[in-house]
Amino acid sequence: MNRDEVQQRLAEIQEQKRKLEALELAYAMVAEDQAALSTPITEEPLAPPSQAVVQTPVYPPLPVVFKKFAHSKSLSIRKAIESIDGYFTIDDVIAKLGEQNVTIPRNDVSFALSRFRKSGEIFVVKQGAGKIPSLYTKEDPEQLL
């Protein structure tokens, strides 16, 4: 036998050992189950269906994770905008969020700014194009004129 054949035989032996251990574990589990089944049940018999009391389980309300996070993002972005004086860009908002130790992805900030613009909370002074961001203000520029 050469070295490769010996290594192959050792690998086969190890595989057989793993299979044997798995079988022993399965046998032990079956033996436990059989012992559990052989113990007599000493509980009271069930009441007939007409007399049985059905209790509806009460579960705690599920947390509304998505809305909570969406709300906290918008709230954080609004606070950042409120703390900026004059004109601002998306980069200014992200910088303010960083000062507040809040990390929100740029596309989420951009989406929030467009929602705030559509709802009239902020106004576009100069529309951005390409890599140049839009310039926003909190006051309506038409009322300032």
Foldseek 3Di string as FASTA:
>chain_A
DDPVVVVVVVVVVVVVVVVVVVVVVVVVVVVVVVVVVPDDDPDDDDDPPVPDDDDDDDDDDDDPVVVVVLVVVLVLLVVLQVVDPDKDWLVSSQVSCVVVVHDDDSVSSVVSVVVCCVVLQKHFPAPADDPGTTMIDRDDVVVVD
